[in-house]
Amino acid sequence: MNWRGGLTIILLLAVIASGWSVWMQSDESPDTAIAQRPDYVLRDYEIVSLDSEGKEAFTLRGPELQRDIGAKSMTLLTPLFLVPDRNGAYWEIRAKHGFVPEDGKELRLRGDVVATSPVQAPPQTRIETSELNLFPRANRATSAVAVTVTRPGLTMRGRGLEADFNRQQVALLSDVHSRYVPAPL
């Protein structure tokens, strides 16, 4: 074998080795591409979730819901939750974003979260915060960040929240400041 044949074999082996190396180091294998895509996407949807007794636990509406195929979690864009109280009247809870972990026991709402009580159940209550964790099976909500609660004539600000939608009870946990303006006589 002459020097050209040896050089050809060496170059051929170098091309094969470099091709194999590039293929192994590619950023996106087919499995990675599939894992990054959502399992499904719902647009302009309404979901009614029932509890173990077959009663409505909550209704969820929104423009887009995506389910992550790997984590089996869901991300929500501008969700609206309608959570019934014990009398069947609905709390309305809105946010910019939502996240539902795999077990679905907790719904994490983030960004400009606003919850308003049913009009039929005075006093009208409005809760505003940047983060709210909703537990639909227990019909309650919590927050660990700054919260503002407004009722007619009363504004309360504090850090942390415990809310029971069945009992129409809202409690701020710390650093609470209140402002009461009585109604004119």
N, C-alpha and C. Protein backbone atom coordinates (compact mmCIF):
# COMPACT_ATOMS: atom_id res chain seq x y z
N MET A 1 0.86 -1.17 0.00
CA MET A 1 0.00 0.00 0.00
C MET A 1 0.90 1.22 0.00
N ASN A 2 0.56 2.19 -0.85
CA ASN A 2 1.39 3.38 -0.94
C ASN A 2 0.89 4.43 0.06
N TRP A 3 1.60 5.54 0.11
CA TRP A 3 1.28 6.59 1.09
C TRP A 3 -0.08 7.22 0.85
N ARG A 4 -0.57 7.24 -0.42
CA ARG A 4 -1.89 7.82 -0.72
C ARG A 4 -3.02 6.93 -0.15
N GLY A 5 -2.88 5.67 -0.25
CA GLY A 5 -3.88 4.75 0.29
C GLY A 5 -3.97 4.86 1.81
N GLY A 6 -2.81 4.95 2.47
CA GLY A 6 -2.79 5.11 3.93
C GLY A 6 -3.41 6.42 4.36
N LEU A 7 -3.10 7.49 3.62
CA LEU A 7 -3.67 8.81 3.93
C LEU A 7 -5.19 8.81 3.72
N THR A 8 -5.64 8.11 2.68
CA THR A 8 -7.07 8.04 2.40
C THR A 8 -7.80 7.32 3.54
N ILE A 9 -7.24 6.25 4.04
CA ILE A 9 -7.86 5.50 5.15
C ILE A 9 -7.88 6.35 6.42
N ILE A 10 -6.80 7.05 6.70
CA ILE A 10 -6.74 7.92 7.88
C ILE A 10 -7.78 9.03 7.79
N LEU A 11 -7.88 9.68 6.62
CA LEU A 11 -8.86 10.75 6.44
C LEU A 11 -10.29 10.21 6.54
N LEU A 12 -10.53 9.03 5.98
CA LEU A 12 -11.85 8.42 6.06
C LEU A 12 -12.24 8.13 7.51
N LEU A 13 -11.31 7.61 8.29
CA LEU A 13 -11.57 7.35 9.72
C LEU A 13 -11.80 8.65 10.48
N ALA A 14 -11.07 9.72 10.13
CA ALA A 14 -11.24 11.02 10.79
C ALA A 14 -12.62 11.59 10.49
N VAL A 15 -13.08 11.46 9.24
CA VAL A 15 -14.41 11.95 8.86
C VAL A 15 -15.49 11.18 9.62
N ILE A 16 -15.35 9.87 9.70
CA ILE A 16 -16.34 9.05 10.42
C ILE A 16 -16.35 9.42 11.90
N ALA A 17 -15.19 9.57 12.52
CA ALA A 17 -15.10 9.91 13.94
C ALA A 17 -15.69 11.30 14.22
N SER A 18 -15.39 12.27 13.37
CA SER A 18 -15.92 13.61 13.61
C SER A 18 -17.44 13.64 13.38
N GLY A 19 -17.93 12.93 12.38
CA GLY A 19 -19.38 12.85 12.16
C GLY A 19 -20.09 12.22 13.33
N TRP A 20 -19.53 11.14 13.85
CA TRP A 20 -20.12 10.48 15.01
C TRP A 20 -20.10 11.40 16.22
N SER A 21 -19.01 12.13 16.42
CA SER A 21 -18.89 13.06 17.55
C SER A 21 -19.93 14.18 17.46
N VAL A 22 -20.11 14.74 16.29
CA VAL A 22 -21.11 15.81 16.12
C VAL A 22 -22.50 15.26 16.37
N TRP A 23 -22.79 14.08 15.89
CA TRP A 23 -24.10 13.48 16.08
C TRP A 23 -24.38 13.23 17.57
N MET A 24 -23.39 12.76 18.33
CA MET A 24 -23.56 12.48 19.75
C MET A 24 -23.70 13.75 20.58
N GLN A 25 -23.12 14.85 20.11
CA GLN A 25 -23.15 16.09 20.88
C GLN A 25 -24.25 17.04 20.44
N SER A 26 -25.09 16.62 19.55
CA SER A 26 -26.16 17.52 19.09
C SER A 26 -27.04 17.87 20.28
N ASP A 27 -27.47 19.14 20.35
CA ASP A 27 -28.24 19.65 21.49
C ASP A 27 -29.61 19.02 21.60
N GLU A 28 -30.22 18.73 20.49
CA GLU A 28 -31.60 18.29 20.54
C GLU A 28 -31.77 16.94 19.87
N SER A 29 -31.79 15.92 20.69
CA SER A 29 -32.09 14.59 20.17
C SER A 29 -33.60 14.50 19.98
N PRO A 30 -34.08 13.51 19.25
CA PRO A 30 -35.54 13.39 19.07
C PRO A 30 -36.29 13.27 20.40
N ASP A 31 -35.72 12.58 21.40
CA ASP A 31 -36.37 12.45 22.70
C ASP A 31 -36.48 13.80 23.39
N THR A 32 -35.42 14.64 23.28
CA THR A 32 -35.43 15.96 23.88
C THR A 32 -36.47 16.84 23.21
N ALA A 33 -36.57 16.79 21.92
CA ALA A 33 -37.54 17.61 21.19
C ALA A 33 -38.96 17.23 21.60
N ILE A 34 -39.22 15.94 21.76
CA ILE A 34 -40.55 15.50 22.16
C ILE A 34 -40.84 15.94 23.59
N ALA A 35 -39.85 15.84 24.48
CA ALA A 35 -40.05 16.20 25.88
C ALA A 35 -40.32 17.70 26.04
N GLN A 36 -39.83 18.54 25.13
CA GLN A 36 -40.03 19.97 25.25
C GLN A 36 -41.39 20.41 24.71
N ARG A 37 -42.01 19.61 23.88
CA ARG A 37 -43.33 19.94 23.33
C ARG A 37 -44.40 19.59 24.35
N PRO A 38 -45.47 20.37 24.40
CA PRO A 38 -46.56 19.99 25.30
C PRO A 38 -47.27 18.75 24.79
N ASP A 39 -47.82 18.00 25.73
CA ASP A 39 -48.59 16.80 25.41
C ASP A 39 -49.84 17.21 24.62
N TYR A 40 -50.50 18.26 25.10
CA TYR A 40 -51.62 18.83 24.36
C TYR A 40 -51.79 20.30 24.75
N VAL A 41 -52.49 21.03 23.92
CA VAL A 41 -52.78 22.45 24.14
C VAL A 41 -54.27 22.65 23.95
N LEU A 42 -54.90 23.30 24.93
CA LEU A 42 -56.30 23.66 24.81
C LEU A 42 -56.39 25.16 24.62
N ARG A 43 -57.23 25.60 23.71
CA ARG A 43 -57.44 27.03 23.48
C ARG A 43 -58.92 27.35 23.71
N ASP A 44 -59.16 28.50 24.33
CA ASP A 44 -60.53 28.95 24.63
C ASP A 44 -61.34 27.80 25.23
N TYR A 45 -60.91 27.36 26.39
CA TYR A 45 -61.47 26.17 27.03
C TYR A 45 -62.30 26.51 28.26
N GLU A 46 -63.10 25.56 28.69
CA GLU A 46 -63.81 25.60 29.97
C GLU A 46 -63.79 24.19 30.52
N ILE A 47 -63.29 24.05 31.73
CA ILE A 47 -63.20 22.75 32.40
C ILE A 47 -63.98 22.84 33.71
N VAL A 48 -64.88 21.89 33.92
CA VAL A 48 -65.61 21.80 35.18
C VAL A 48 -65.06 20.60 35.92
N SER A 49 -64.48 20.84 37.09
CA SER A 49 -63.89 19.77 37.89
C SER A 49 -64.87 19.39 39.00
N LEU A 50 -65.07 18.09 39.17
CA LEU A 50 -65.98 17.58 40.19
C LEU A 50 -65.21 16.98 41.35
N ASP A 51 -65.79 17.08 42.54
CA ASP A 51 -65.15 16.47 43.71
C ASP A 51 -65.52 14.99 43.78
N SER A 52 -65.13 14.33 44.87
CA SER A 52 -65.37 12.89 44.99
C SER A 52 -66.85 12.55 45.11
N GLU A 53 -67.68 13.51 45.47
CA GLU A 53 -69.12 13.29 45.59
C GLU A 53 -69.87 13.66 44.32
N GLY A 54 -69.15 14.12 43.31
CA GLY A 54 -69.77 14.49 42.04
C GLY A 54 -70.28 15.91 41.99
N LYS A 55 -69.97 16.71 43.02
CA LYS A 55 -70.36 18.12 43.02
C LYS A 55 -69.23 18.95 42.40
N GLU A 56 -69.59 20.11 41.89
CA GLU A 56 -68.60 20.98 41.26
C GLU A 56 -67.58 21.47 42.28
N ALA A 57 -66.30 21.20 42.02
CA ALA A 57 -65.23 21.70 42.87
C ALA A 57 -64.81 23.09 42.39
N PHE A 58 -64.68 23.25 41.07
CA PHE A 58 -64.38 24.55 40.48
C PHE A 58 -64.59 24.47 38.97
N THR A 59 -64.70 25.62 38.36
CA THR A 59 -64.73 25.73 36.90
C THR A 59 -63.52 26.56 36.51
N LEU A 60 -62.84 26.15 35.47
CA LEU A 60 -61.66 26.84 34.98
C LEU A 60 -61.89 27.25 33.54
N ARG A 61 -61.65 28.52 33.24
CA ARG A 61 -61.75 29.04 31.87
C ARG A 61 -60.48 29.78 31.53
N GLY A 62 -60.14 29.81 30.25
CA GLY A 62 -58.97 30.56 29.84
C GLY A 62 -58.71 30.45 28.35
N PRO A 63 -57.78 31.27 27.87
CA PRO A 63 -57.45 31.25 26.44
C PRO A 63 -56.49 30.13 26.06
N GLU A 64 -55.65 29.65 27.02
CA GLU A 64 -54.69 28.61 26.65
C GLU A 64 -54.24 27.81 27.87
N LEU A 65 -54.21 26.49 27.70
CA LEU A 65 -53.72 25.55 28.70
C LEU A 65 -52.79 24.58 27.99
N GLN A 66 -51.59 24.36 28.57
CA GLN A 66 -50.63 23.42 28.00
C GLN A 66 -50.27 22.39 29.05
N ARG A 67 -50.24 21.12 28.63
CA ARG A 67 -49.84 20.04 29.54
C ARG A 67 -48.45 19.58 29.17
N ASP A 68 -47.55 19.57 30.16
CA ASP A 68 -46.17 19.11 29.98
C ASP A 68 -46.16 17.60 29.99
N ILE A 69 -45.64 17.00 28.91
CA ILE A 69 -45.66 15.54 28.76
C ILE A 69 -44.80 14.84 29.80
N GLY A 70 -43.66 15.44 30.18
CA GLY A 70 -42.76 14.79 31.13
C GLY A 70 -43.21 14.92 32.56
N ALA A 71 -43.50 16.14 32.99
CA ALA A 71 -43.87 16.40 34.38
C ALA A 71 -45.34 16.15 34.65
N LYS A 72 -46.14 16.01 33.62
CA LYS A 72 -47.59 15.84 33.74
C LYS A 72 -48.22 16.99 34.51
N SER A 73 -47.65 18.19 34.32
CA SER A 73 -48.19 19.39 34.93
C SER A 73 -48.80 20.25 33.84
N MET A 74 -49.53 21.28 34.25
CA MET A 74 -50.17 22.16 33.27
C MET A 74 -49.80 23.61 33.55
N THR A 75 -49.63 24.38 32.49
CA THR A 75 -49.45 25.82 32.61
C THR A 75 -50.66 26.49 31.98
N LEU A 76 -51.09 27.57 32.61
CA LEU A 76 -52.31 28.26 32.21
C LEU A 76 -51.99 29.71 31.89
N LEU A 77 -52.58 30.23 30.85
CA LEU A 77 -52.43 31.63 30.48
C LEU A 77 -53.72 32.36 30.85
N THR A 78 -53.61 33.41 31.63
CA THR A 78 -54.73 34.23 32.14
C THR A 78 -55.95 33.39 32.54
N PRO A 79 -55.75 32.49 33.53
CA PRO A 79 -56.87 31.64 33.93
C PRO A 79 -57.93 32.40 34.73
N LEU A 80 -59.16 31.93 34.66
CA LEU A 80 -60.27 32.39 35.49
C LEU A 80 -60.84 31.17 36.18
N PHE A 81 -60.77 31.17 37.52
CA PHE A 81 -61.34 30.09 38.31
C PHE A 81 -62.65 30.59 38.92
N LEU A 82 -63.67 29.77 38.83
CA LEU A 82 -64.93 30.03 39.50
C LEU A 82 -65.06 28.96 40.58
N VAL A 83 -64.98 29.39 41.84
CA VAL A 83 -64.97 28.46 42.97
C VAL A 83 -66.26 28.65 43.76
N PRO A 84 -67.11 27.61 43.81
CA PRO A 84 -68.39 27.77 44.53
C PRO A 84 -68.18 27.75 46.04
N ASP A 85 -68.98 28.59 46.74
CA ASP A 85 -68.98 28.52 48.20
C ASP A 85 -70.05 27.52 48.62
N ARG A 86 -70.31 27.41 49.91
CA ARG A 86 -71.27 26.37 50.38
C ARG A 86 -72.69 26.62 49.91
N ASN A 87 -73.00 27.87 49.48
CA ASN A 87 -74.34 28.20 49.00
C ASN A 87 -74.45 28.13 47.47
N GLY A 88 -73.36 27.75 46.80
CA GLY A 88 -73.38 27.63 45.35
C GLY A 88 -73.09 28.92 44.61
N ALA A 89 -72.79 30.01 45.32
CA ALA A 89 -72.37 31.26 44.68
C ALA A 89 -70.87 31.17 44.40
N TYR A 90 -70.40 31.90 43.40
CA TYR A 90 -69.03 31.71 42.93
C TYR A 90 -68.08 32.85 43.29
N TRP A 91 -66.93 32.47 43.84
CA TRP A 91 -65.79 33.37 43.92
C TRP A 91 -65.15 33.38 42.53
N GLU A 92 -64.74 34.54 42.04
CA GLU A 92 -64.02 34.66 40.78
C GLU A 92 -62.56 34.95 41.10
N ILE A 93 -61.66 34.12 40.56
CA ILE A 93 -60.24 34.29 40.82
C ILE A 93 -59.52 34.35 39.47
N ARG A 94 -58.83 35.48 39.23
CA ARG A 94 -58.13 35.70 37.96
C ARG A 94 -56.64 35.90 38.23
N ALA A 95 -55.82 35.55 37.22
CA ALA A 95 -54.37 35.75 37.32
C ALA A 95 -53.78 35.83 35.92
N LYS A 96 -52.54 36.30 35.83
CA LYS A 96 -51.85 36.32 34.53
C LYS A 96 -51.42 34.91 34.13
N HIS A 97 -50.95 34.13 35.12
CA HIS A 97 -50.42 32.79 34.84
C HIS A 97 -50.88 31.83 35.92
N GLY A 98 -50.92 30.56 35.56
CA GLY A 98 -51.24 29.53 36.51
C GLY A 98 -50.41 28.29 36.25
N PHE A 99 -50.23 27.49 37.30
CA PHE A 99 -49.48 26.25 37.19
C PHE A 99 -50.19 25.20 38.03
N VAL A 100 -50.41 24.03 37.44
CA VAL A 100 -51.06 22.92 38.13
C VAL A 100 -50.08 21.76 38.16
N PRO A 101 -49.57 21.38 39.36
CA PRO A 101 -48.66 20.23 39.44
C PRO A 101 -49.39 18.94 39.09
N GLU A 102 -48.63 17.86 38.96
CA GLU A 102 -49.15 16.57 38.52
C GLU A 102 -50.34 16.08 39.35
N ASP A 103 -50.27 16.23 40.67
CA ASP A 103 -51.35 15.69 41.51
C ASP A 103 -52.64 16.51 41.44
N GLY A 104 -52.56 17.76 41.01
CA GLY A 104 -53.74 18.60 40.84
C GLY A 104 -54.39 19.06 42.13
N LYS A 105 -53.75 18.84 43.26
CA LYS A 105 -54.34 19.23 44.55
C LYS A 105 -54.18 20.72 44.82
N GLU A 106 -53.18 21.33 44.20
CA GLU A 106 -52.89 22.74 44.42
C GLU A 106 -52.78 23.44 43.06
N LEU A 107 -53.33 24.63 42.97
CA LEU A 107 -53.24 25.44 41.77
C LEU A 107 -52.47 26.70 42.14
N ARG A 108 -51.37 26.95 41.47
CA ARG A 108 -50.52 28.11 41.79
C ARG A 108 -50.80 29.22 40.79
N LEU A 109 -51.31 30.32 41.28
CA LEU A 109 -51.63 31.47 40.44
C LEU A 109 -50.60 32.55 40.68
N ARG A 110 -50.10 33.15 39.60
CA ARG A 110 -49.04 34.15 39.70
C ARG A 110 -49.34 35.34 38.79
N GLY A 111 -49.00 36.52 39.29
CA GLY A 111 -49.11 37.74 38.50
C GLY A 111 -50.50 38.36 38.54
N ASP A 112 -50.61 39.50 39.20
CA ASP A 112 -51.87 40.26 39.27
C ASP A 112 -53.07 39.38 39.60
N VAL A 113 -52.97 38.66 40.71
CA VAL A 113 -54.06 37.77 41.13
C VAL A 113 -55.14 38.61 41.82
N VAL A 114 -56.38 38.44 41.37
CA VAL A 114 -57.52 39.14 41.96
C VAL A 114 -58.63 38.12 42.21
N ALA A 115 -59.10 38.07 43.45
CA ALA A 115 -60.22 37.21 43.82
C ALA A 115 -61.35 38.08 44.34
N THR A 116 -62.55 37.88 43.82
CA THR A 116 -63.71 38.65 44.28
C THR A 116 -64.78 37.68 44.77
N SER A 117 -65.41 38.07 45.86
CA SER A 117 -66.43 37.22 46.46
C SER A 117 -67.73 37.31 45.67
N PRO A 118 -68.63 36.36 45.89
CA PRO A 118 -69.92 36.40 45.20
C PRO A 118 -70.72 37.65 45.60
N VAL A 119 -71.41 38.23 44.65
CA VAL A 119 -72.22 39.41 44.91
C VAL A 119 -73.35 39.06 45.87
N GLN A 120 -73.84 37.81 45.79
CA GLN A 120 -74.96 37.37 46.62
C GLN A 120 -74.59 37.19 48.09
N ALA A 121 -73.29 37.23 48.42
CA ALA A 121 -72.85 36.97 49.79
C ALA A 121 -72.09 38.18 50.34
N PRO A 122 -72.81 39.21 50.81
CA PRO A 122 -72.13 40.39 51.33
C PRO A 122 -71.36 40.05 52.60
N PRO A 123 -70.36 40.82 52.97
CA PRO A 123 -69.89 42.02 52.30
C PRO A 123 -69.03 41.66 51.09
N GLN A 124 -69.14 42.46 50.05
CA GLN A 124 -68.34 42.25 48.84
C GLN A 124 -66.86 42.33 49.23
N THR A 125 -66.08 41.31 48.89
CA THR A 125 -64.67 41.23 49.27
C THR A 125 -63.81 41.08 48.02
N ARG A 126 -62.68 41.79 48.01
CA ARG A 126 -61.74 41.72 46.90
C ARG A 126 -60.35 41.46 47.49
N ILE A 127 -59.67 40.44 46.97
CA ILE A 127 -58.32 40.08 47.41
C ILE A 127 -57.37 40.32 46.24
N GLU A 128 -56.28 41.06 46.48
CA GLU A 128 -55.30 41.32 45.44
C GLU A 128 -53.92 40.93 45.97
N THR A 129 -53.17 40.20 45.14
CA THR A 129 -51.82 39.76 45.49
C THR A 129 -51.07 39.36 44.22
N SER A 130 -49.79 39.08 44.37
CA SER A 130 -49.02 38.63 43.20
C SER A 130 -48.94 37.11 43.13
N GLU A 131 -49.23 36.42 44.24
CA GLU A 131 -49.17 34.96 44.28
C GLU A 131 -50.29 34.43 45.15
N LEU A 132 -50.98 33.42 44.64
CA LEU A 132 -52.05 32.78 45.41
C LEU A 132 -52.03 31.29 45.10
N ASN A 133 -52.07 30.49 46.15
CA ASN A 133 -52.15 29.04 46.00
C ASN A 133 -53.57 28.62 46.34
N LEU A 134 -54.22 27.98 45.40
CA LEU A 134 -55.62 27.61 45.53
C LEU A 134 -55.71 26.10 45.76
N PHE A 135 -56.48 25.70 46.77
CA PHE A 135 -56.69 24.29 47.09
C PHE A 135 -58.17 23.99 46.88
N PRO A 136 -58.55 23.58 45.66
CA PRO A 136 -59.97 23.45 45.34
C PRO A 136 -60.72 22.38 46.12
N ARG A 137 -60.06 21.30 46.49
CA ARG A 137 -60.75 20.24 47.24
C ARG A 137 -61.13 20.70 48.64
N ALA A 138 -60.31 21.57 49.20
CA ALA A 138 -60.59 22.11 50.54
C ALA A 138 -61.31 23.45 50.45
N ASN A 139 -61.46 24.00 49.26
CA ASN A 139 -62.12 25.28 49.02
C ASN A 139 -61.47 26.40 49.83
N ARG A 140 -60.14 26.44 49.75
CA ARG A 140 -59.39 27.47 50.47
C ARG A 140 -58.23 27.97 49.61
N ALA A 141 -57.60 29.05 50.07
CA ALA A 141 -56.46 29.65 49.36
C ALA A 141 -55.46 30.17 50.38
N THR A 142 -54.18 30.21 49.96
CA THR A 142 -53.13 30.76 50.82
C THR A 142 -52.21 31.63 49.97
N SER A 143 -51.48 32.50 50.65
CA SER A 143 -50.44 33.30 50.02
C SER A 143 -49.40 33.62 51.07
N ALA A 144 -48.15 33.75 50.64
CA ALA A 144 -47.07 34.09 51.57
C ALA A 144 -46.52 35.49 51.29
N VAL A 145 -47.07 36.18 50.32
CA VAL A 145 -46.55 37.49 49.92
C VAL A 145 -47.54 38.59 50.34
N ALA A 146 -47.25 39.82 49.94
CA ALA A 146 -48.10 40.97 50.27
C ALA A 146 -49.50 40.79 49.68
N VAL A 147 -50.51 41.12 50.49
CA VAL A 147 -51.91 40.94 50.11
C VAL A 147 -52.69 42.18 50.51
N THR A 148 -53.65 42.58 49.67
CA THR A 148 -54.58 43.65 50.00
C THR A 148 -55.99 43.08 49.94
N VAL A 149 -56.74 43.29 51.03
CA VAL A 149 -58.13 42.85 51.11
C VAL A 149 -58.99 44.09 51.24
N THR A 150 -59.98 44.21 50.35
CA THR A 150 -60.84 45.39 50.37
C THR A 150 -62.29 44.94 50.54
N ARG A 151 -62.98 45.62 51.47
CA ARG A 151 -64.42 45.46 51.69
C ARG A 151 -65.01 46.86 51.77
N PRO A 152 -66.30 47.01 51.64
CA PRO A 152 -66.87 48.37 51.72
C PRO A 152 -66.45 49.07 53.02
N GLY A 153 -65.74 50.19 52.86
CA GLY A 153 -65.29 50.98 54.00
C GLY A 153 -64.03 50.47 54.67
N LEU A 154 -63.48 49.35 54.24
CA LEU A 154 -62.32 48.75 54.92
C LEU A 154 -61.27 48.30 53.91
N THR A 155 -60.03 48.69 54.16
CA THR A 155 -58.89 48.21 53.37
C THR A 155 -57.86 47.66 54.34
N MET A 156 -57.44 46.42 54.11
CA MET A 156 -56.42 45.79 54.95
C MET A 156 -55.27 45.36 54.06
N ARG A 157 -54.06 45.63 54.54
CA ARG A 157 -52.85 45.20 53.84
C ARG A 157 -52.01 44.39 54.82
N GLY A 158 -51.38 43.33 54.30
CA GLY A 158 -50.55 42.52 55.16
C GLY A 158 -49.73 41.53 54.36
N ARG A 159 -49.03 40.68 55.07
CA ARG A 159 -48.22 39.65 54.43
C ARG A 159 -48.76 38.30 54.86
N GLY A 160 -49.03 37.46 53.85
CA GLY A 160 -49.57 36.14 54.12
C GLY A 160 -51.09 36.17 54.21
N LEU A 161 -51.71 35.07 53.75
CA LEU A 161 -53.17 35.01 53.71
C LEU A 161 -53.63 33.58 53.89
N GLU A 162 -54.72 33.42 54.60
CA GLU A 162 -55.47 32.17 54.69
C GLU A 162 -56.91 32.54 54.37
N ALA A 163 -57.50 31.91 53.36
CA ALA A 163 -58.89 32.20 52.99
C ALA A 163 -59.67 30.90 52.93
N ASP A 164 -60.87 30.92 53.51
CA ASP A 164 -61.80 29.80 53.46
C ASP A 164 -63.03 30.29 52.69
N PHE A 165 -63.21 29.79 51.46
CA PHE A 165 -64.29 30.28 50.62
C PHE A 165 -65.66 29.81 51.10
N ASN A 166 -65.74 28.67 51.75
CA ASN A 166 -67.03 28.19 52.26
C ASN A 166 -67.55 29.10 53.37
N ARG A 167 -66.67 29.51 54.24
CA ARG A 167 -67.07 30.32 55.40
C ARG A 167 -67.00 31.83 55.13
N GLN A 168 -66.54 32.20 53.94
CA GLN A 168 -66.37 33.62 53.61
C GLN A 168 -65.41 34.29 54.60
N GLN A 169 -64.35 33.56 55.01
CA GLN A 169 -63.38 34.09 55.96
C GLN A 169 -62.05 34.32 55.27
N VAL A 170 -61.46 35.48 55.56
CA VAL A 170 -60.15 35.84 55.04
C VAL A 170 -59.32 36.34 56.20
N ALA A 171 -58.11 35.80 56.37
CA ALA A 171 -57.23 36.23 57.45
C ALA A 171 -55.87 36.60 56.88
N LEU A 172 -55.39 37.80 57.24
CA LEU A 172 -54.02 38.20 56.93
C LEU A 172 -53.14 37.75 58.09
N LEU A 173 -51.92 37.29 57.78
CA LEU A 173 -51.13 36.60 58.80
C LEU A 173 -50.12 37.47 59.54
N SER A 174 -49.54 38.49 58.89
CA SER A 174 -48.56 39.32 59.60
C SER A 174 -48.47 40.70 58.97
N ASP A 175 -47.85 41.62 59.72
CA ASP A 175 -47.61 42.99 59.25
C ASP A 175 -48.90 43.61 58.70
N VAL A 176 -49.98 43.48 59.46
CA VAL A 176 -51.30 43.91 59.00
C VAL A 176 -51.53 45.38 59.33
N HIS A 177 -52.00 46.11 58.33
CA HIS A 177 -52.38 47.51 58.49
C HIS A 177 -53.79 47.66 57.93
N SER A 178 -54.66 48.33 58.71
CA SER A 178 -56.05 48.48 58.30
C SER A 178 -56.42 49.95 58.21
N ARG A 179 -57.36 50.22 57.33
CA ARG A 179 -57.92 51.56 57.20
C ARG A 179 -59.43 51.40 57.10
N TYR A 180 -60.12 52.02 58.07
CA TYR A 180 -61.56 51.92 58.09
C TYR A 180 -62.15 53.30 57.85
N VAL A 181 -63.02 53.41 56.86
CA VAL A 181 -63.72 54.65 56.57
C VAL A 181 -65.21 54.35 56.71
N PRO A 182 -65.83 54.82 57.79
CA PRO A 182 -67.24 54.51 57.98
C PRO A 182 -68.12 55.12 56.90
N ALA A 183 -69.22 54.45 56.61
CA ALA A 183 -70.16 54.95 55.63
C ALA A 183 -70.83 56.21 56.16
N PRO A 184 -71.08 57.19 55.28
CA PRO A 184 -71.73 58.41 55.74
C PRO A 184 -73.15 58.12 56.22
N LEU A 185 -73.54 58.88 57.23
CA LEU A 185 -74.90 58.69 57.80
C LEU A 185 -75.96 59.31 56.97
